[in-house]
Amino acid sequence: MADNKIQMPGMFGGLMRHDEEYKSKFMISPTAVIVFVVAIIVLVFALRIFLPVSG
């Protein structure tokens, strides 16, 4: 007779609660991330307008 056993991953079946995840020493809010991304995009466009690369 075949030994067909289903094995689940250990510890909660791969699911974690939010509090059990890795915690960083510094936290950045989602709003700050969006502001940084938009600022970088504006900076890139401004540099392309004011400092065009000839080539």
C-alpha atoms as a PDB file:
ATOM      1  CA  MET A   1       0.000   0.000   0.000  1.00  0.00           C
ATOM      2  CA  ALA A   2       1.334   3.431  -0.964  1.00  0.00           C
ATOM      3  CA  ASP A   3       2.232   5.858   1.802  1.00  0.00           C
ATOM      4  CA  ASN A   4       0.514   9.042   0.504  1.00  0.00           C
ATOM      5  CA  LYS A   5       0.710  11.616   3.273  1.00  0.00           C
ATOM      6  CA  ILE A   6       0.092  15.294   2.724  1.00  0.00           C
ATOM      7  CA  GLN A   7       2.645  17.459   4.455  1.00  0.00           C
ATOM      8  CA  MET A   8       1.792  21.041   5.312  1.00  0.00           C
ATOM      9  CA  PRO A   9       4.460  23.700   5.769  1.00  0.00           C
ATOM     10  CA  GLY A  10       5.478  24.137   9.360  1.00  0.00           C
ATOM     11  CA  MET A  11       4.309  26.986  11.551  1.00  0.00           C
ATOM     12  CA  PHE A  12       0.882  28.369  10.603  1.00  0.00           C
ATOM     13  CA  GLY A  13       0.887  26.939   7.068  1.00  0.00           C
ATOM     14  CA  GLY A  14       2.896  29.867   5.718  1.00  0.00           C
ATOM     15  CA  LEU A  15       0.526  32.515   7.060  1.00  0.00           C
ATOM     16  CA  MET A  16       1.722  35.250   9.369  1.00  0.00           C
ATOM     17  CA  ARG A  17      -0.044  37.912  11.317  1.00  0.00           C
ATOM     18  CA  HIS A  18       1.049  41.495  10.731  1.00  0.00           C
ATOM     19  CA  ASP A  19       2.590  41.779  14.200  1.00  0.00           C
ATOM     20  CA  GLU A  20       4.848  38.770  13.594  1.00  0.00           C
ATOM     21  CA  GLU A  21       6.571  40.224  10.530  1.00  0.00           C
ATOM     22  CA  TYR A  22      10.036  41.780  10.531  1.00  0.00           C
ATOM     23  CA  LYS A  23      10.118  45.219  12.122  1.00  0.00           C
ATOM     24  CA  SER A  24      12.529  47.817  10.788  1.00  0.00           C
ATOM     25  CA  LYS A  25      14.381  50.308  12.965  1.00  0.00           C
ATOM     26  CA  PHE A  26      12.889  53.173  10.963  1.00  0.00           C
ATOM     27  CA  MET A  27       9.409  53.304   9.562  1.00  0.00           C
ATOM     28  CA  ILE A  28       8.314  55.320   6.506  1.00  0.00           C
ATOM     29  CA  SER A  29       4.658  56.065   6.039  1.00  0.00           C
ATOM     30  CA  PRO A  30       3.034  55.213   2.696  1.00  0.00           C
ATOM     31  CA  THR A  31       2.311  58.911   2.165  1.00  0.00           C
ATOM     32  CA  ALA A  32       5.997  59.765   2.492  1.00  0.00           C
ATOM     33  CA  VAL A  33       6.924  57.075  -0.044  1.00  0.00           C
ATOM     34  CA  ILE A  34       4.444  58.474  -2.575  1.00  0.00           C
ATOM     35  CA  VAL A  35       5.744  62.023  -1.997  1.00  0.00           C
ATOM     36  CA  PHE A  36       9.356  60.858  -2.527  1.00  0.00           C
ATOM     37  CA  VAL A  37       8.456  59.052  -5.758  1.00  0.00           C
ATOM     38  CA  VAL A  38       6.559  62.046  -7.132  1.00  0.00           C
ATOM     39  CA  ALA A  39       9.446  64.363  -6.159  1.00  0.00           C
ATOM     40  CA  ILE A  40      11.951  62.161  -7.996  1.00  0.00           C
ATOM     41  CA  ILE A  41       9.736  62.084 -11.101  1.00  0.00           C
ATOM     42  CA  VAL A  42       9.425  65.883 -11.062  1.00  0.00           C
ATOM     43  CA  LEU A  43      13.188  66.222 -10.580  1.00  0.00           C
ATOM     44  CA  VAL A  44      13.910  63.947 -13.553  1.00  0.00           C
ATOM     45  CA  PHE A  45      11.527  65.874 -15.806  1.00  0.00           C
ATOM     46  CA  ALA A  46      12.995  69.205 -14.649  1.00  0.00           C
ATOM     47  CA  LEU A  47      16.534  68.014 -15.373  1.00  0.00           C
ATOM     48  CA  ARG A  48      15.511  66.804 -18.842  1.00  0.00           C
ATOM     49  CA  ILE A  49      13.962  70.194 -19.630  1.00  0.00           C
ATOM     50  CA  PHE A  50      16.714  72.428 -18.215  1.00  0.00           C
ATOM     51  CA  LEU A  51      19.718  70.218 -18.995  1.00  0.00           C
ATOM     52  CA  PRO A  52      19.007  68.502 -22.306  1.00  0.00           C
ATOM     53  CA  VAL A  53      21.498  65.843 -23.348  1.00  0.00           C
ATOM     54  CA  SER A  54      22.681  66.264 -26.914  1.00  0.00           C
ATOM     55  CA  GLY A  55      23.477  63.056 -28.593  1.00  0.00           C
END
